[in-house]
Amino acid sequence: MQTKDYHFILGVERDVGIDGIKNAYRVLAHRYHPDVSADPDGEDKFKQVGEAYKTLKVPATRTAYDRLISPGRQTMQWLPVGYYVSVLWWTNFWIEWERSWSRSGRDLRAH
């Protein structure tokens, strides 16, 4: 599936804020509006600019779009350190429990 680069369409960087997106949209929408533009592809460009703005103006859709465009650039979501310590503790607990349980089970079966 080919996705459009909305940042490129609006002519903004990926880390620009909502104000920069809004300003770029206003300039390009005025430039390519069918009533104003003499460009034969102006109407198509106007629709693309509107689509890009509609996607990038809402933070939730912008985040989803950014994940779709560049999945490798996602930041890793780490859990708190206490979670990893807890997992290690429980893992060690179960390993030791398994060792002691299986040893006591063997001893009972031997008699």
N, C-alpha and C. Protein backbone atom coordinates (compact mmCIF):
# COMPACT_ATOMS: atom_id res chain seq x y z
N MET A 1 0.84 -1.18 0.00
CA MET A 1 0.00 0.00 0.00
C MET A 1 0.89 1.24 0.00
N GLN A 2 0.66 2.12 -0.94
CA GLN A 2 1.41 3.37 -1.05
C GLN A 2 0.70 4.44 -0.22
N THR A 3 1.40 5.02 0.74
CA THR A 3 0.81 6.08 1.54
C THR A 3 1.42 7.41 1.12
N LYS A 4 0.63 8.45 1.23
CA LYS A 4 1.10 9.78 0.86
C LYS A 4 1.88 10.38 2.01
N ASP A 5 2.88 11.17 1.68
CA ASP A 5 3.67 11.86 2.71
C ASP A 5 3.03 13.21 2.95
N TYR A 6 2.18 13.29 3.96
CA TYR A 6 1.43 14.51 4.23
C TYR A 6 2.35 15.66 4.67
N HIS A 7 3.44 15.34 5.33
CA HIS A 7 4.38 16.38 5.72
C HIS A 7 4.99 17.02 4.47
N PHE A 8 5.32 16.21 3.49
CA PHE A 8 5.87 16.72 2.24
C PHE A 8 4.83 17.55 1.48
N ILE A 9 3.59 17.07 1.46
CA ILE A 9 2.53 17.81 0.77
C ILE A 9 2.36 19.20 1.36
N LEU A 10 2.40 19.30 2.70
CA LEU A 10 2.26 20.60 3.35
C LEU A 10 3.57 21.38 3.38
N GLY A 11 4.67 20.71 3.10
CA GLY A 11 5.96 21.39 3.09
C GLY A 11 6.47 21.72 4.48
N VAL A 12 6.22 20.84 5.43
CA VAL A 12 6.66 21.06 6.81
C VAL A 12 7.53 19.89 7.27
N GLU A 13 8.31 20.13 8.30
CA GLU A 13 9.13 19.08 8.91
C GLU A 13 8.23 18.18 9.76
N ARG A 14 8.72 16.99 10.07
CA ARG A 14 7.92 16.02 10.84
C ARG A 14 7.69 16.46 12.29
N ASP A 15 8.59 17.26 12.83
CA ASP A 15 8.45 17.66 14.23
C ASP A 15 7.79 19.03 14.42
N VAL A 16 7.18 19.57 13.37
CA VAL A 16 6.54 20.88 13.47
C VAL A 16 5.28 20.77 14.31
N GLY A 17 4.96 21.86 14.99
CA GLY A 17 3.77 21.88 15.85
C GLY A 17 2.50 22.13 15.05
N ILE A 18 1.39 22.14 15.76
CA ILE A 18 0.09 22.33 15.12
C ILE A 18 -0.03 23.71 14.48
N ASP A 19 0.62 24.72 15.07
CA ASP A 19 0.57 26.06 14.48
C ASP A 19 1.27 26.10 13.13
N GLY A 20 2.40 25.42 13.01
CA GLY A 20 3.11 25.36 11.73
C GLY A 20 2.30 24.62 10.67
N ILE A 21 1.61 23.57 11.07
CA ILE A 21 0.75 22.82 10.15
C ILE A 21 -0.41 23.70 9.69
N LYS A 22 -1.00 24.42 10.63
CA LYS A 22 -2.13 25.28 10.31
C LYS A 22 -1.71 26.39 9.35
N ASN A 23 -0.55 27.02 9.60
CA ASN A 23 -0.08 28.09 8.73
C ASN A 23 0.22 27.57 7.33
N ALA A 24 0.88 26.42 7.24
CA ALA A 24 1.18 25.83 5.93
C ALA A 24 -0.10 25.50 5.19
N TYR A 25 -1.09 24.98 5.89
CA TYR A 25 -2.37 24.64 5.26
C TYR A 25 -3.03 25.90 4.70
N ARG A 26 -3.08 26.96 5.48
CA ARG A 26 -3.74 28.19 5.03
C ARG A 26 -3.08 28.76 3.77
N VAL A 27 -1.76 28.76 3.76
CA VAL A 27 -1.05 29.29 2.59
C VAL A 27 -1.32 28.44 1.36
N LEU A 28 -1.19 27.12 1.51
CA LEU A 28 -1.38 26.24 0.36
C LEU A 28 -2.83 26.14 -0.08
N ALA A 29 -3.77 26.18 0.86
CA ALA A 29 -5.18 26.14 0.50
C ALA A 29 -5.56 27.39 -0.29
N HIS A 30 -5.03 28.52 0.09
CA HIS A 30 -5.30 29.75 -0.67
C HIS A 30 -4.65 29.68 -2.05
N ARG A 31 -3.44 29.15 -2.12
CA ARG A 31 -2.72 29.08 -3.39
C ARG A 31 -3.41 28.15 -4.38
N TYR A 32 -3.91 27.00 -3.92
CA TYR A 32 -4.48 26.00 -4.81
C TYR A 32 -6.01 25.98 -4.84
N HIS A 33 -6.66 26.93 -4.20
CA HIS A 33 -8.13 26.94 -4.21
C HIS A 33 -8.62 27.08 -5.64
N PRO A 34 -9.62 26.28 -6.04
CA PRO A 34 -10.09 26.30 -7.44
C PRO A 34 -10.56 27.68 -7.92
N ASP A 35 -11.05 28.52 -7.03
CA ASP A 35 -11.50 29.85 -7.43
C ASP A 35 -10.35 30.81 -7.66
N VAL A 36 -9.18 30.51 -7.09
CA VAL A 36 -8.04 31.43 -7.14
C VAL A 36 -6.96 30.93 -8.10
N SER A 37 -6.71 29.65 -8.12
CA SER A 37 -5.58 29.07 -8.83
C SER A 37 -5.85 28.95 -10.33
N ALA A 38 -4.81 29.26 -11.11
CA ALA A 38 -4.87 29.06 -12.55
C ALA A 38 -4.20 27.73 -12.93
N ASP A 39 -3.64 27.05 -11.94
CA ASP A 39 -2.96 25.77 -12.15
C ASP A 39 -3.99 24.71 -12.54
N PRO A 40 -3.75 23.97 -13.67
CA PRO A 40 -4.72 22.94 -14.05
C PRO A 40 -4.84 21.81 -13.03
N ASP A 41 -3.79 21.53 -12.25
CA ASP A 41 -3.83 20.51 -11.20
C ASP A 41 -4.16 21.11 -9.84
N GLY A 42 -4.58 22.35 -9.83
CA GLY A 42 -4.84 23.05 -8.57
C GLY A 42 -5.89 22.40 -7.71
N GLU A 43 -6.95 21.89 -8.34
CA GLU A 43 -8.02 21.27 -7.56
C GLU A 43 -7.55 19.99 -6.88
N ASP A 44 -6.75 19.19 -7.60
CA ASP A 44 -6.21 17.96 -6.99
C ASP A 44 -5.25 18.29 -5.86
N LYS A 45 -4.42 19.30 -6.06
CA LYS A 45 -3.49 19.71 -5.00
C LYS A 45 -4.25 20.26 -3.81
N PHE A 46 -5.32 21.00 -4.07
CA PHE A 46 -6.15 21.53 -2.99
C PHE A 46 -6.75 20.40 -2.16
N LYS A 47 -7.22 19.35 -2.83
CA LYS A 47 -7.78 18.19 -2.12
C LYS A 47 -6.71 17.47 -1.30
N GLN A 48 -5.50 17.34 -1.85
CA GLN A 48 -4.40 16.68 -1.13
C GLN A 48 -4.00 17.48 0.10
N VAL A 49 -3.95 18.81 -0.05
CA VAL A 49 -3.60 19.67 1.09
C VAL A 49 -4.66 19.55 2.17
N GLY A 50 -5.93 19.51 1.79
CA GLY A 50 -7.02 19.35 2.76
C GLY A 50 -6.95 18.01 3.48
N GLU A 51 -6.65 16.95 2.72
CA GLU A 51 -6.53 15.62 3.31
C GLU A 51 -5.36 15.56 4.29
N ALA A 52 -4.24 16.17 3.90
CA ALA A 52 -3.06 16.20 4.77
C ALA A 52 -3.36 16.97 6.06
N TYR A 53 -4.01 18.10 5.93
CA TYR A 53 -4.33 18.91 7.10
C TYR A 53 -5.31 18.18 8.01
N LYS A 54 -6.30 17.54 7.41
CA LYS A 54 -7.30 16.81 8.19
C LYS A 54 -6.64 15.70 9.02
N THR A 55 -5.62 15.07 8.46
CA THR A 55 -4.93 13.99 9.16
C THR A 55 -3.99 14.52 10.23
N LEU A 56 -3.23 15.57 9.91
CA LEU A 56 -2.18 16.03 10.82
C LEU A 56 -2.65 16.99 11.90
N LYS A 57 -3.85 17.55 11.77
CA LYS A 57 -4.28 18.55 12.76
C LYS A 57 -4.72 17.92 14.09
N VAL A 58 -5.16 16.67 14.06
CA VAL A 58 -5.61 15.98 15.27
C VAL A 58 -4.46 15.13 15.79
N PRO A 59 -4.05 15.32 17.05
CA PRO A 59 -2.89 14.59 17.57
C PRO A 59 -3.01 13.06 17.47
N ALA A 60 -4.19 12.51 17.70
CA ALA A 60 -4.34 11.05 17.66
C ALA A 60 -4.15 10.51 16.24
N THR A 61 -4.75 11.17 15.26
CA THR A 61 -4.59 10.70 13.88
C THR A 61 -3.17 10.96 13.38
N ARG A 62 -2.55 12.03 13.87
CA ARG A 62 -1.17 12.31 13.47
C ARG A 62 -0.23 11.23 14.01
N THR A 63 -0.43 10.82 15.24
CA THR A 63 0.39 9.76 15.83
C THR A 63 0.21 8.45 15.07
N ALA A 64 -1.03 8.12 14.76
CA ALA A 64 -1.29 6.88 14.01
C ALA A 64 -0.66 6.96 12.62
N TYR A 65 -0.76 8.12 11.98
CA TYR A 65 -0.17 8.31 10.65
C TYR A 65 1.35 8.19 10.72
N ASP A 66 1.97 8.81 11.72
CA ASP A 66 3.43 8.73 11.87
C ASP A 66 3.88 7.29 12.09
N ARG A 67 3.12 6.52 12.84
CA ARG A 67 3.46 5.11 13.05
C ARG A 67 3.32 4.32 11.76
N LEU A 68 2.33 4.67 10.95
CA LEU A 68 2.13 3.98 9.68
C LEU A 68 3.26 4.30 8.70
N ILE A 69 3.65 5.56 8.65
CA ILE A 69 4.68 5.99 7.70
C ILE A 69 6.05 5.45 8.07
N SER A 70 6.43 5.57 9.32
CA SER A 70 7.78 5.16 9.71
C SER A 70 7.74 4.31 10.97
N PRO A 71 7.42 3.03 10.83
CA PRO A 71 7.33 2.18 12.01
C PRO A 71 8.66 2.00 12.73
N GLY A 72 9.78 2.16 12.04
CA GLY A 72 11.08 2.01 12.67
C GLY A 72 11.44 3.17 13.57
N ARG A 73 10.75 4.30 13.43
CA ARG A 73 11.07 5.48 14.22
C ARG A 73 10.29 5.56 15.52
N GLN A 74 9.48 4.57 15.80
CA GLN A 74 8.70 4.59 17.03
C GLN A 74 9.63 4.49 18.22
N THR A 75 9.29 5.17 19.26
CA THR A 75 10.09 5.10 20.47
C THR A 75 9.67 3.88 21.28
N MET A 76 10.65 3.28 21.91
CA MET A 76 10.38 2.10 22.73
C MET A 76 9.69 2.54 24.02
N GLN A 77 8.62 1.89 24.36
CA GLN A 77 7.90 2.19 25.58
C GLN A 77 8.42 1.27 26.69
N TRP A 78 9.21 1.83 27.58
CA TRP A 78 9.77 1.04 28.67
C TRP A 78 8.83 1.05 29.86
N LEU A 79 8.84 -0.04 30.57
CA LEU A 79 8.07 -0.14 31.81
C LEU A 79 8.94 0.34 32.96
N PRO A 80 8.34 0.67 34.10
CA PRO A 80 9.14 1.09 35.25
C PRO A 80 10.14 0.02 35.68
N VAL A 81 11.24 0.46 36.27
CA VAL A 81 12.30 -0.46 36.68
C VAL A 81 11.77 -1.50 37.65
N GLY A 82 10.87 -1.12 38.52
CA GLY A 82 10.31 -2.05 39.48
C GLY A 82 9.63 -3.24 38.83
N TYR A 83 9.07 -3.03 37.63
CA TYR A 83 8.43 -4.13 36.93
C TYR A 83 9.44 -5.20 36.57
N TYR A 84 10.60 -4.76 36.03
CA TYR A 84 11.62 -5.72 35.62
C TYR A 84 12.22 -6.44 36.83
N VAL A 85 12.42 -5.72 37.93
CA VAL A 85 12.92 -6.35 39.14
C VAL A 85 11.92 -7.39 39.63
N SER A 86 10.65 -7.04 39.57
CA SER A 86 9.60 -7.97 40.00
C SER A 86 9.58 -9.21 39.12
N VAL A 87 9.70 -9.03 37.82
CA VAL A 87 9.70 -10.18 36.90
C VAL A 87 10.89 -11.08 37.18
N LEU A 88 12.06 -10.48 37.39
CA LEU A 88 13.24 -11.28 37.70
C LEU A 88 13.07 -12.03 39.02
N TRP A 89 12.50 -11.38 40.01
CA TRP A 89 12.29 -12.03 41.29
C TRP A 89 11.35 -13.22 41.14
N TRP A 90 10.22 -13.03 40.44
CA TRP A 90 9.27 -14.13 40.26
C TRP A 90 9.87 -15.25 39.42
N THR A 91 10.68 -14.89 38.42
CA THR A 91 11.32 -15.91 37.60
C THR A 91 12.25 -16.76 38.46
N ASN A 92 13.06 -16.12 39.27
CA ASN A 92 13.96 -16.86 40.16
C ASN A 92 13.17 -17.68 41.17
N PHE A 93 12.10 -17.11 41.68
CA PHE A 93 11.27 -17.84 42.63
C PHE A 93 10.74 -19.12 42.01
N TRP A 94 10.20 -19.04 40.79
CA TRP A 94 9.63 -20.22 40.15
C TRP A 94 10.70 -21.24 39.77
N ILE A 95 11.86 -20.78 39.40
CA ILE A 95 12.95 -21.71 39.09
C ILE A 95 13.33 -22.49 40.33
N GLU A 96 13.50 -21.78 41.44
CA GLU A 96 13.85 -22.45 42.70
C GLU A 96 12.72 -23.35 43.17
N TRP A 97 11.48 -22.91 43.03
CA TRP A 97 10.35 -23.72 43.43
C TRP A 97 10.30 -25.01 42.60
N GLU A 98 10.53 -24.88 41.29
CA GLU A 98 10.54 -26.06 40.41
C GLU A 98 11.64 -27.03 40.83
N ARG A 99 12.81 -26.50 41.14
CA ARG A 99 13.91 -27.38 41.56
C ARG A 99 13.56 -28.10 42.86
N SER A 100 13.05 -27.38 43.81
CA SER A 100 12.76 -28.03 45.09
C SER A 100 11.56 -28.97 44.97
N TRP A 101 10.57 -28.65 44.20
CA TRP A 101 9.40 -29.50 44.03
C TRP A 101 9.76 -30.79 43.31
N SER A 102 10.51 -30.65 42.22
CA SER A 102 10.85 -31.85 41.47
C SER A 102 11.80 -32.73 42.29
N ARG A 103 12.68 -32.14 43.11
CA ARG A 103 13.58 -32.92 43.95
C ARG A 103 12.78 -33.66 45.02
N SER A 104 11.83 -32.98 45.65
CA SER A 104 11.05 -33.63 46.70
C SER A 104 10.12 -34.70 46.09
N GLY A 105 9.63 -34.46 44.87
CA GLY A 105 8.81 -35.45 44.20
C GLY A 105 9.57 -36.70 43.88
N ARG A 106 10.81 -36.54 43.46
CA ARG A 106 11.65 -37.71 43.17
C ARG A 106 11.94 -38.49 44.43
N ASP A 107 12.20 -37.74 45.51
CA ASP A 107 12.50 -38.41 46.77
C ASP A 107 11.30 -39.23 47.26
N LEU A 108 10.09 -38.72 47.11
CA LEU A 108 8.92 -39.43 47.56
C LEU A 108 8.67 -40.67 46.70
N ARG A 109 8.92 -40.55 45.42
CA ARG A 109 8.70 -41.70 44.54
C ARG A 109 9.72 -42.80 44.78
N ALA A 110 10.92 -42.42 45.22
CA ALA A 110 11.99 -43.41 45.42
C ALA A 110 11.67 -44.32 46.61
N HIS A 111 10.91 -43.85 47.56
CA HIS A 111 10.67 -44.67 48.76
C HIS A 111 9.54 -45.56 48.58
